[in-house]
PDB file of N, CA and C in Angstrom:
ATOM      1  N   UNK A   1      11.580  -4.583  10.634  1.00  0.00           N
ATOM      2  CA  UNK A   1      10.278  -4.008  10.910  1.00  0.00           C
ATOM      3  C   UNK A   1      10.213  -2.628  10.243  1.00  0.00           C
ATOM      4  N   UNK A   2       9.136  -2.386   9.518  1.00  0.00           N
ATOM      5  CA  UNK A   2       8.901  -1.081   8.912  1.00  0.00           C
ATOM      6  C   UNK A   2       7.661  -0.484   9.554  1.00  0.00           C
ATOM      7  N   UNK A   3       7.729   0.805   9.916  1.00  0.00           N
ATOM      8  CA  UNK A   3       6.599   1.438  10.581  1.00  0.00           C
ATOM      9  C   UNK A   3       6.403   2.838  10.037  1.00  0.00           C
ATOM     10  N   UNK A   4       5.176   3.119   9.589  1.00  0.00           N
ATOM     11  CA  UNK A   4       4.802   4.439   9.104  1.00  0.00           C
ATOM     12  C   UNK A   4       3.406   4.734   9.624  1.00  0.00           C
ATOM     13  N   UNK A   5       3.241   5.936  10.173  1.00  0.00           N
ATOM     14  CA  UNK A   5       2.002   6.309  10.860  1.00  0.00           C
ATOM     15  C   UNK A   5       1.706   5.225  11.892  1.00  0.00           C
ATOM     16  N   UNK A   6       0.507   4.650  11.874  1.00  0.00           N
ATOM     17  CA  UNK A   6       0.202   3.598  12.860  1.00  0.00           C
ATOM     18  C   UNK A   6       0.208   2.205  12.231  1.00  0.00           C
ATOM     19  N   UNK A   7       0.872   2.090  11.074  1.00  0.00           N
ATOM     20  CA  UNK A   7       0.974   0.805  10.386  1.00  0.00           C
ATOM     21  C   UNK A   7       2.388   0.262  10.550  1.00  0.00           C
ATOM     22  N   UNK A   8       2.469  -0.995  10.933  1.00  0.00           N
ATOM     23  CA  UNK A   8       3.769  -1.649  11.107  1.00  0.00           C
ATOM     24  C   UNK A   8       3.725  -2.970  10.348  1.00  0.00           C
ATOM     25  N   UNK A   9       4.789  -3.260   9.607  1.00  0.00           N
ATOM     26  CA  UNK A   9       4.880  -4.560   8.947  1.00  0.00           C
ATOM     27  C   UNK A   9       6.229  -5.194   9.252  1.00  0.00           C
ATOM     28  N   UNK A  10       6.220  -6.505   9.287  1.00  0.00           N
ATOM     29  CA  UNK A  10       7.442  -7.280   9.475  1.00  0.00           C
ATOM     30  C   UNK A  10       7.638  -8.118   8.212  1.00  0.00           C
ATOM     31  N   UNK A  11       8.520  -7.674   7.302  1.00  0.00           N
ATOM     32  CA  UNK A  11       8.725  -8.402   6.049  1.00  0.00           C
ATOM     33  C   UNK A  11       9.204  -9.840   6.246  1.00  0.00           C
ATOM     34  N   UNK A  12       9.932 -10.082   7.320  1.00  0.00           N
ATOM     35  CA  UNK A  12      10.466 -11.424   7.557  1.00  0.00           C
ATOM     36  C   UNK A  12       9.361 -12.422   7.877  1.00  0.00           C
ATOM     37  N   UNK A  13       8.420 -12.028   8.737  1.00  0.00           N
ATOM     38  CA  UNK A  13       7.327 -12.932   9.118  1.00  0.00           C
ATOM     39  C   UNK A  13       6.060 -12.677   8.304  1.00  0.00           C
ATOM     40  N   UNK A  14       6.088 -11.621   7.467  1.00  0.00           N
ATOM     41  CA  UNK A  14       4.955 -11.234   6.620  1.00  0.00           C
ATOM     42  C   UNK A  14       3.707 -10.955   7.448  1.00  0.00           C
ATOM     43  N   UNK A  15       3.889 -10.247   8.561  1.00  0.00           N
ATOM     44  CA  UNK A  15       2.781  -9.861   9.428  1.00  0.00           C
ATOM     45  C   UNK A  15       2.635  -8.346   9.398  1.00  0.00           C
ATOM     46  N   UNK A  16       1.402  -7.887   9.632  1.00  0.00           N
ATOM     47  CA  UNK A  16       1.115  -6.458   9.612  1.00  0.00           C
ATOM     48  C   UNK A  16       0.210  -6.089  10.786  1.00  0.00           C
ATOM     49  N   UNK A  17       0.352  -4.846  11.268  1.00  0.00           N
ATOM     50  CA  UNK A  17      -0.457  -4.345  12.366  1.00  0.00           C
ATOM     51  C   UNK A  17      -0.917  -2.926  12.079  1.00  0.00           C
ATOM     52  N   UNK A  18      -2.112  -2.626  12.525  1.00  0.00           N
ATOM     53  CA  UNK A  18      -2.604  -1.252  12.573  1.00  0.00           C
ATOM     54  C   UNK A  18      -2.753  -0.955  14.049  1.00  0.00           C
ATOM     55  N   UNK A  19      -1.890  -0.082  14.545  1.00  0.00           N
ATOM     56  CA  UNK A  19      -1.838   0.120  15.990  1.00  0.00           C
ATOM     57  C   UNK A  19      -1.385  -1.171  16.642  1.00  0.00           C
ATOM     58  N   UNK A  20      -2.173  -1.668  17.591  1.00  0.00           N
ATOM     59  CA  UNK A  20      -1.826  -2.929  18.264  1.00  0.00           C
ATOM     60  C   UNK A  20      -2.554  -4.129  17.663  1.00  0.00           C
ATOM     61  N   UNK A  21      -3.461  -3.862  16.717  1.00  0.00           N
ATOM     62  CA  UNK A  21      -4.260  -4.935  16.121  1.00  0.00           C
ATOM     63  C   UNK A  21      -3.580  -5.509  14.887  1.00  0.00           C
ATOM     64  N   UNK A  22      -3.450  -6.828  14.862  1.00  0.00           N
ATOM     65  CA  UNK A  22      -2.879  -7.471  13.684  1.00  0.00           C
ATOM     66  C   UNK A  22      -3.894  -7.436  12.544  1.00  0.00           C
ATOM     67  N   UNK A  23      -3.384  -7.188  11.351  1.00  0.00           N
ATOM     68  CA  UNK A  23      -4.208  -7.139  10.146  1.00  0.00           C
ATOM     69  C   UNK A  23      -3.803  -8.323   9.270  1.00  0.00           C
ATOM     70  N   UNK A  24      -4.773  -9.135   8.891  1.00  0.00           N
ATOM     71  CA  UNK A  24      -4.499 -10.295   8.053  1.00  0.00           C
ATOM     72  C   UNK A  24      -4.546  -9.851   6.591  1.00  0.00           C
ATOM     73  N   UNK A  25      -3.418  -9.986   5.910  1.00  0.00           N
ATOM     74  CA  UNK A  25      -3.309  -9.613   4.505  1.00  0.00           C
ATOM     75  C   UNK A  25      -2.968 -10.838   3.672  1.00  0.00           C
ATOM     76  N   UNK A  26      -3.541 -10.893   2.481  1.00  0.00           N
ATOM     77  CA  UNK A  26      -3.164 -11.959   1.554  1.00  0.00           C
ATOM     78  C   UNK A  26      -1.718 -11.716   1.107  1.00  0.00           C
ATOM     79  N   UNK A  27      -1.169 -12.657   0.385  1.00  0.00           N
ATOM     80  CA  UNK A  27       0.217 -12.536  -0.098  1.00  0.00           C
ATOM     81  C   UNK A  27       0.388 -11.277  -0.945  1.00  0.00           C
ATOM     82  N   UNK A  28      -0.490 -11.052  -1.911  1.00  0.00           N
ATOM     83  CA  UNK A  28      -0.370  -9.886  -2.794  1.00  0.00           C
ATOM     84  C   UNK A  28      -0.661  -8.590  -2.047  1.00  0.00           C
ATOM     85  N   UNK A  29      -1.619  -8.620  -1.138  1.00  0.00           N
ATOM     86  CA  UNK A  29      -1.905  -7.426  -0.331  1.00  0.00           C
ATOM     87  C   UNK A  29      -0.679  -7.038   0.483  1.00  0.00           C
ATOM     88  N   UNK A  30      -0.049  -8.031   1.107  1.00  0.00           N
ATOM     89  CA  UNK A  30       1.152  -7.745   1.890  1.00  0.00           C
ATOM     90  C   UNK A  30       2.252  -7.194   0.989  1.00  0.00           C
ATOM     91  N   UNK A  31       2.454  -7.817  -0.165  1.00  0.00           N
ATOM     92  CA  UNK A  31       3.490  -7.353  -1.092  1.00  0.00           C
ATOM     93  C   UNK A  31       3.224  -5.920  -1.549  1.00  0.00           C
ATOM     94  N   UNK A  32       1.956  -5.586  -1.774  1.00  0.00           N
ATOM     95  CA  UNK A  32       1.588  -4.227  -2.173  1.00  0.00           C
ATOM     96  C   UNK A  32       1.891  -3.237  -1.055  1.00  0.00           C
ATOM     97  N   UNK A  33       1.474  -3.557   0.162  1.00  0.00           N
ATOM     98  CA  UNK A  33       1.763  -2.672   1.307  1.00  0.00           C
ATOM     99  C   UNK A  33       3.269  -2.543   1.498  1.00  0.00           C
ATOM    100  N   UNK A  34       3.985  -3.645   1.408  1.00  0.00           N
ATOM    101  CA  UNK A  34       5.434  -3.616   1.589  1.00  0.00           C
ATOM    102  C   UNK A  34       6.100  -2.728   0.539  1.00  0.00           C
ATOM    103  N   UNK A  35       5.682  -2.876  -0.720  1.00  0.00           N
ATOM    104  CA  UNK A  35       6.262  -2.062  -1.800  1.00  0.00           C
ATOM    105  C   UNK A  35       6.021  -0.570  -1.558  1.00  0.00           C
ATOM    106  N   UNK A  36       4.865  -0.232  -1.011  1.00  0.00           N
ATOM    107  CA  UNK A  36       4.542   1.183  -0.769  1.00  0.00           C
ATOM    108  C   UNK A  36       5.195   1.716   0.505  1.00  0.00           C
ATOM    109  N   UNK A  37       5.126   0.945   1.581  1.00  0.00           N
ATOM    110  CA  UNK A  37       5.650   1.425   2.856  1.00  0.00           C
ATOM    111  C   UNK A  37       7.181   1.483   2.844  1.00  0.00           C
ATOM    112  N   UNK A  38       7.815   0.606   2.056  1.00  0.00           N
ATOM    113  CA  UNK A  38       9.279   0.635   1.950  1.00  0.00           C
ATOM    114  C   UNK A  38       9.757   1.929   1.303  1.00  0.00           C
ATOM    115  N   UNK A  39       8.887   2.558   0.526  1.00  0.00           N
ATOM    116  CA  UNK A  39       9.226   3.826  -0.132  1.00  0.00           C
ATOM    117  C   UNK A  39       8.291   4.937   0.327  1.00  0.00           C
ATOM    118  N   UNK A  40       7.875   4.879   1.583  1.00  0.00           N
ATOM    119  CA  UNK A  40       6.930   5.854   2.133  1.00  0.00           C
ATOM    120  C   UNK A  40       7.401   7.280   1.837  1.00  0.00           C
ATOM    121  N   UNK A  41       6.454   8.094   1.399  1.00  0.00           N
ATOM    122  CA  UNK A  41       6.747   9.478   1.067  1.00  0.00           C
ATOM    123  C   UNK A  41       7.081   9.678  -0.403  1.00  0.00           C
ATOM    124  N   UNK A  42       7.435   8.607  -1.092  1.00  0.00           N
ATOM    125  CA  UNK A  42       7.763   8.675  -2.521  1.00  0.00           C
ATOM    126  C   UNK A  42       6.588   8.168  -3.349  1.00  0.00           C
ATOM    127  N   UNK A  43       6.496   8.648  -4.571  1.00  0.00           N
ATOM    128  CA  UNK A  43       5.491   8.145  -5.496  1.00  0.00           C
ATOM    129  C   UNK A  43       6.011   6.849  -6.110  1.00  0.00           C
ATOM    130  N   UNK A  44       5.184   5.814  -6.049  1.00  0.00           N
ATOM    131  CA  UNK A  44       5.507   4.530  -6.657  1.00  0.00           C
ATOM    132  C   UNK A  44       4.561   4.379  -7.849  1.00  0.00           C
ATOM    133  N   UNK A  45       5.121   4.212  -9.027  1.00  0.00           N
ATOM    134  CA  UNK A  45       4.295   4.118 -10.228  1.00  0.00           C
ATOM    135  C   UNK A  45       3.607   2.758 -10.317  1.00  0.00           C
ATOM    136  N   UNK A  46       2.564   2.725 -11.113  1.00  0.00           N
ATOM    137  CA  UNK A  46       1.855   1.469 -11.340  1.00  0.00           C
ATOM    138  C   UNK A  46       2.768   0.463 -12.049  1.00  0.00           C
ATOM    139  N   UNK A  47       3.626   0.953 -12.947  1.00  0.00           N
ATOM    140  CA  UNK A  47       4.587   0.061 -13.607  1.00  0.00           C
ATOM    141  C   UNK A  47       5.519  -0.587 -12.581  1.00  0.00           C
ATOM    142  N   UNK A  48       5.992   0.194 -11.627  1.00  0.00           N
ATOM    143  CA  UNK A  48       6.875  -0.349 -10.582  1.00  0.00           C
ATOM    144  C   UNK A  48       6.134  -1.376  -9.737  1.00  0.00           C
ATOM    145  N   UNK A  49       4.863  -1.108  -9.421  1.00  0.00           N
ATOM    146  CA  UNK A  49       4.084  -2.056  -8.628  1.00  0.00           C
ATOM    147  C   UNK A  49       3.841  -3.352  -9.397  1.00  0.00           C
ATOM    148  N   UNK A  50       3.531  -3.243 -10.675  1.00  0.00           N
ATOM    149  CA  UNK A  50       3.336  -4.459 -11.472  1.00  0.00           C
ATOM    150  C   UNK A  50       4.628  -5.270 -11.534  1.00  0.00           C
ATOM    151  N   UNK A  51       5.751  -4.592 -11.664  1.00  0.00           N
ATOM    152  CA  UNK A  51       7.041  -5.281 -11.716  1.00  0.00           C
ATOM    153  C   UNK A  51       7.387  -5.907 -10.370  1.00  0.00           C
ATOM    154  N   UNK A  52       7.242  -5.142  -9.292  1.00  0.00           N
ATOM    155  CA  UNK A  52       7.718  -5.586  -7.978  1.00  0.00           C
ATOM    156  C   UNK A  52       6.745  -6.505  -7.232  1.00  0.00           C
ATOM    157  N   UNK A  53       5.444  -6.313  -7.445  1.00  0.00           N
ATOM    158  CA  UNK A  53       4.446  -7.098  -6.714  1.00  0.00           C
ATOM    159  C   UNK A  53       3.932  -8.268  -7.555  1.00  0.00           C
ATOM    160  N   UNK A  54       3.648  -7.998  -8.836  1.00  0.00           N
ATOM    161  CA  UNK A  54       3.103  -9.044  -9.697  1.00  0.00           C
ATOM    162  C   UNK A  54       4.172  -9.673 -10.594  1.00  0.00           C
ATOM    163  N   UNK A  55       5.397  -9.177 -10.513  1.00  0.00           N
ATOM    164  CA  UNK A  55       6.539  -9.728 -11.237  1.00  0.00           C
ATOM    165  C   UNK A  55       6.299  -9.827 -12.743  1.00  0.00           C
ATOM    166  N   UNK A  56       5.736  -8.765 -13.295  1.00  0.00           N
ATOM    167  CA  UNK A  56       5.502  -8.706 -14.727  1.00  0.00           C
ATOM    168  C   UNK A  56       5.686  -7.269 -15.212  1.00  0.00           C
ATOM    169  N   UNK A  57       6.036  -7.129 -16.446  1.00  0.00           N
ATOM    170  CA  UNK A  57       6.121  -5.793 -17.032  1.00  0.00           C
ATOM    171  C   UNK A  57       5.038  -5.640 -18.097  1.00  0.00           C
ATOM    172  N   UNK A  58       4.270  -6.701 -18.315  1.00  0.00           N
ATOM    173  CA  UNK A  58       3.207  -6.668 -19.303  1.00  0.00           C
ATOM    174  C   UNK A  58       1.864  -6.664 -18.588  1.00  0.00           C
ATOM    175  N   UNK A  59       1.099  -5.618 -18.830  1.00  0.00           N
ATOM    176  CA  UNK A  59      -0.249  -5.566 -18.288  1.00  0.00           C
ATOM    177  C   UNK A  59      -1.080  -4.620 -19.128  1.00  0.00           C
ATOM    178  N   UNK A  60      -2.352  -4.912 -19.195  1.00  0.00           N
ATOM    179  CA  UNK A  60      -3.230  -4.118 -20.048  1.00  0.00           C
ATOM    180  C   UNK A  60      -4.166  -3.222 -19.253  1.00  0.00           C
ATOM    181  N   UNK A  61      -4.309  -3.479 -17.967  1.00  0.00           N
ATOM    182  CA  UNK A  61      -5.227  -2.708 -17.144  1.00  0.00           C
ATOM    183  C   UNK A  61      -4.672  -2.580 -15.731  1.00  0.00           C
ATOM    184  N   UNK A  62      -4.944  -1.434 -15.122  1.00  0.00           N
ATOM    185  CA  UNK A  62      -4.511  -1.241 -13.737  1.00  0.00           C
ATOM    186  C   UNK A  62      -5.585  -1.717 -12.764  1.00  0.00           C
ATOM    187  N   UNK A  63      -6.617  -2.392 -13.273  1.00  0.00           N
ATOM    188  CA  UNK A  63      -7.704  -2.871 -12.428  1.00  0.00           C
ATOM    189  C   UNK A  63      -7.195  -3.803 -11.329  1.00  0.00           C
ATOM    190  N   UNK A  64      -6.208  -4.614 -11.638  1.00  0.00           N
ATOM    191  CA  UNK A  64      -5.625  -5.518 -10.637  1.00  0.00           C
ATOM    192  C   UNK A  64      -5.111  -4.733  -9.443  1.00  0.00           C
ATOM    193  N   UNK A  65      -4.367  -3.682  -9.709  1.00  0.00           N
ATOM    194  CA  UNK A  65      -3.838  -2.852  -8.624  1.00  0.00           C
ATOM    195  C   UNK A  65      -4.988  -2.204  -7.868  1.00  0.00           C
ATOM    196  N   UNK A  66      -5.962  -1.656  -8.594  1.00  0.00           N
ATOM    197  CA  UNK A  66      -7.088  -0.963  -7.960  1.00  0.00           C
ATOM    198  C   UNK A  66      -7.881  -1.883  -7.037  1.00  0.00           C
ATOM    199  N   UNK A  67      -8.126  -3.112  -7.473  1.00  0.00           N
ATOM    200  CA  UNK A  67      -8.884  -4.063  -6.658  1.00  0.00           C
ATOM    201  C   UNK A  67      -8.116  -4.392  -5.385  1.00  0.00           C
ATOM    202  N   UNK A  68      -6.843  -4.730  -5.515  1.00  0.00           N
ATOM    203  CA  UNK A  68      -6.037  -5.054  -4.331  1.00  0.00           C
ATOM    204  C   UNK A  68      -5.897  -3.838  -3.418  1.00  0.00           C
ATOM    205  N   UNK A  69      -5.741  -2.672  -4.015  1.00  0.00           N
ATOM    206  CA  UNK A  69      -5.633  -1.444  -3.222  1.00  0.00           C
ATOM    207  C   UNK A  69      -6.912  -1.206  -2.420  1.00  0.00           C
ATOM    208  N   UNK A  70      -8.055  -1.469  -3.026  1.00  0.00           N
ATOM    209  CA  UNK A  70      -9.326  -1.327  -2.307  1.00  0.00           C
ATOM    210  C   UNK A  70      -9.402  -2.235  -1.103  1.00  0.00           C
ATOM    211  N   UNK A  71      -8.985  -3.489  -1.299  1.00  0.00           N
ATOM    212  CA  UNK A  71      -8.978  -4.440  -0.176  1.00  0.00           C
ATOM    213  C   UNK A  71      -8.027  -3.981   0.925  1.00  0.00           C
ATOM    214  N   UNK A  72      -6.832  -3.532   0.535  1.00  0.00           N
ATOM    215  CA  UNK A  72      -5.837  -3.079   1.517  1.00  0.00           C
ATOM    216  C   UNK A  72      -6.356  -1.872   2.280  1.00  0.00           C
ATOM    217  N   UNK A  73      -6.915  -0.905   1.559  1.00  0.00           N
ATOM    218  CA  UNK A  73      -7.443   0.291   2.234  1.00  0.00           C
ATOM    219  C   UNK A  73      -8.516  -0.085   3.257  1.00  0.00           C
ATOM    220  N   UNK A  74      -9.417  -0.983   2.885  1.00  0.00           N
ATOM    221  CA  UNK A  74     -10.461  -1.399   3.836  1.00  0.00           C
ATOM    222  C   UNK A  74      -9.845  -2.049   5.075  1.00  0.00           C
ATOM    223  N   UNK A  75      -8.899  -2.948   4.864  1.00  0.00           N
ATOM    224  CA  UNK A  75      -8.293  -3.655   5.989  1.00  0.00           C
ATOM    225  C   UNK A  75      -7.489  -2.726   6.896  1.00  0.00           C
ATOM    226  N   UNK A  76      -6.898  -1.682   6.315  1.00  0.00           N
ATOM    227  CA  UNK A  76      -6.103  -0.740   7.111  1.00  0.00           C
ATOM    228  C   UNK A  76      -6.924   0.443   7.619  1.00  0.00           C
ATOM    229  N   UNK A  77      -8.222   0.468   7.283  1.00  0.00           N
ATOM    230  CA  UNK A  77      -9.085   1.553   7.745  1.00  0.00           C
ATOM    231  C   UNK A  77      -8.810   2.868   7.044  1.00  0.00           C
ATOM    232  N   UNK A  78      -8.422   2.797   5.785  1.00  0.00           N
ATOM    233  CA  UNK A  78      -8.099   3.993   5.001  1.00  0.00           C
ATOM    234  C   UNK A  78      -9.253   4.280   4.043  1.00  0.00           C
ATOM    235  N   UNK A  79      -9.951   5.374   4.245  1.00  0.00           N
ATOM    236  CA  UNK A  79     -11.101   5.750   3.422  1.00  0.00           C
ATOM    237  C   UNK A  79     -10.629   6.188   2.040  1.00  0.00           C
ATOM    238  N   UNK A  80     -11.073   5.498   0.997  1.00  0.00           N
ATOM    239  CA  UNK A  80     -10.613   5.817  -0.353  1.00  0.00           C
ATOM    240  C   UNK A  80     -11.048   7.205  -0.803  1.00  0.00           C
ATOM    241  N   UNK A  81     -12.115   7.745  -0.199  1.00  0.00           N
ATOM    242  CA  UNK A  81     -12.561   9.100  -0.553  1.00  0.00           C
ATOM    243  C   UNK A  81     -11.722  10.175   0.125  1.00  0.00           C
ATOM    244  N   UNK A  82     -11.163   9.850   1.268  1.00  0.00           N
ATOM    245  CA  UNK A  82     -10.295  10.768   2.021  1.00  0.00           C
ATOM    246  C   UNK A  82      -9.147   9.968   2.629  1.00  0.00           C
ATOM    247  N   UNK A  83      -8.271   9.459   1.779  1.00  0.00           N
ATOM    248  CA  UNK A  83      -7.196   8.592   2.285  1.00  0.00           C
ATOM    249  C   UNK A  83      -6.184   9.354   3.144  1.00  0.00           C
ATOM    250  N   UNK A  84      -5.756   8.710   4.198  1.00  0.00           N
ATOM    251  CA  UNK A  84      -4.709   9.289   5.043  1.00  0.00           C
ATOM    252  C   UNK A  84      -3.449   8.421   5.039  1.00  0.00           C
ATOM    253  N   UNK A  85      -3.562   7.203   4.497  1.00  0.00           N
ATOM    254  CA  UNK A  85      -2.408   6.311   4.433  1.00  0.00           C
ATOM    255  C   UNK A  85      -1.856   6.229   3.008  1.00  0.00           C
ATOM    256  N   UNK A  86      -2.674   5.753   2.088  1.00  0.00           N
ATOM    257  CA  UNK A  86      -2.235   5.554   0.706  1.00  0.00           C
ATOM    258  C   UNK A  86      -3.014   6.508  -0.190  1.00  0.00           C
ATOM    259  N   UNK A  87      -2.312   7.440  -0.793  1.00  0.00           N
ATOM    260  CA  UNK A  87      -2.974   8.395  -1.674  1.00  0.00           C
ATOM    261  C   UNK A  87      -2.614   8.108  -3.125  1.00  0.00           C
ATOM    262  N   UNK A  88      -3.581   8.389  -3.985  1.00  0.00           N
ATOM    263  CA  UNK A  88      -3.379   8.261  -5.422  1.00  0.00           C
ATOM    264  C   UNK A  88      -2.918   9.608  -5.947  1.00  0.00           C
ATOM    265  N   UNK A  89      -1.798   9.618  -6.619  1.00  0.00           N
ATOM    266  CA  UNK A  89      -1.279  10.830  -7.248  1.00  0.00           C
ATOM    267  C   UNK A  89      -1.644  10.713  -8.723  1.00  0.00           C
ATOM    268  N   UNK A  90      -2.659  11.439  -9.103  1.00  0.00           N
ATOM    269  CA  UNK A  90      -3.243  11.317 -10.450  1.00  0.00           C
ATOM    270  C   UNK A  90      -2.172  11.436 -11.543  1.00  0.00           C
ATOM    271  N   UNK A  91      -2.164  10.433 -12.418  1.00  0.00           N
ATOM    272  CA  UNK A  91      -1.230  10.422 -13.536  1.00  0.00           C
ATOM    273  C   UNK A  91       0.188  10.008 -13.175  1.00  0.00           C
ATOM    274  N   UNK A  92       0.445   9.742 -11.888  1.00  0.00           N
ATOM    275  CA  UNK A  92       1.801   9.394 -11.438  1.00  0.00           C
ATOM    276  C   UNK A  92       1.876   8.016 -10.790  1.00  0.00           C
ATOM    277  N   UNK A  93       1.042   7.781  -9.771  1.00  0.00           N
ATOM    278  CA  UNK A  93       1.099   6.515  -9.055  1.00  0.00           C
ATOM    279  C   UNK A  93       0.490   6.618  -7.679  1.00  0.00           C
ATOM    280  N   UNK A  94       1.059   5.912  -6.727  1.00  0.00           N
ATOM    281  CA  UNK A  94       0.560   5.860  -5.358  1.00  0.00           C
ATOM    282  C   UNK A  94       1.662   6.260  -4.390  1.00  0.00           C
ATOM    283  N   UNK A  95       1.250   6.791  -3.240  1.00  0.00           N
ATOM    284  CA  UNK A  95       2.228   7.174  -2.216  1.00  0.00           C
ATOM    285  C   UNK A  95       1.685   6.778  -0.846  1.00  0.00           C
ATOM    286  N   UNK A  96       2.526   6.099  -0.064  1.00  0.00           N
ATOM    287  CA  UNK A  96       2.199   5.834   1.334  1.00  0.00           C
ATOM    288  C   UNK A  96       2.634   7.063   2.111  1.00  0.00           C
ATOM    289  N   UNK A  97       1.681   7.754   2.697  1.00  0.00           N
ATOM    290  CA  UNK A  97       1.956   9.030   3.367  1.00  0.00           C
ATOM    291  C   UNK A  97       2.700   8.808   4.683  1.00  0.00           C
ATOM    292  N   UNK A  98       3.720   9.624   4.913  1.00  0.00           N
ATOM    293  CA  UNK A  98       4.496   9.496   6.146  1.00  0.00           C
ATOM    294  C   UNK A  98       3.827  10.168   7.332  1.00  0.00           C
ATOM    295  N   UNK A  99       2.948  11.122   7.053  1.00  0.00           N
ATOM    296  CA  UNK A  99       2.223  11.840   8.115  1.00  0.00           C
ATOM    297  C   UNK A  99       0.740  11.888   7.763  1.00  0.00           C
ATOM    298  N   UNK A 100      -0.132  11.843   8.763  1.00  0.00           N
ATOM    299  CA  UNK A 100      -1.555  12.007   8.461  1.00  0.00           C
ATOM    300  C   UNK A 100      -1.806  13.434   7.977  1.00  0.00           C
ATOM    301  N   UNK A 101      -2.887  13.646   7.202  1.00  0.00           N
ATOM    302  CA  UNK A 101      -3.167  15.003   6.723  1.00  0.00           C
ATOM    303  C   UNK A 101      -3.520  15.933   7.871  1.00  0.00           C
ATOM    304  N   UNK A 102      -3.179  17.179   7.706  1.00  0.00           N
ATOM    305  CA  UNK A 102      -3.556  18.177   8.715  1.00  0.00           C
ATOM    306  C   UNK A 102      -4.930  18.701   8.391  1.00  0.00           C
ATOM    307  N   UNK A 103      -5.682  18.991   9.407  1.00  0.00           N
ATOM    308  CA  UNK A 103      -7.062  19.474   9.213  1.00  0.00           C
ATOM    309  C   UNK A 103      -7.094  20.952   9.052  1.00  0.00           C
TER     310      UNK A 103
END
């Protein structure tokens, strides 16, 4: 079981929760969340995500990641304009935040 902030995932059963509510994720959505939450606090590059989630090193656009990330953010209640779970580090990659932002 991996848990960061109020998100918990079970890689063995491929289930995810936000708080006490189960969140239904597709296979790729779960793999994306797992890849990020397993390295929470670290920047994960788009190349690493393509390799680890989509099992390829050849890609021409990051649109695939962006689309799946949008779906994941919506399902986890993470506002893309003010993300508190998954932040985009411009020019570097994505990071699953270990703590919510301070106001």
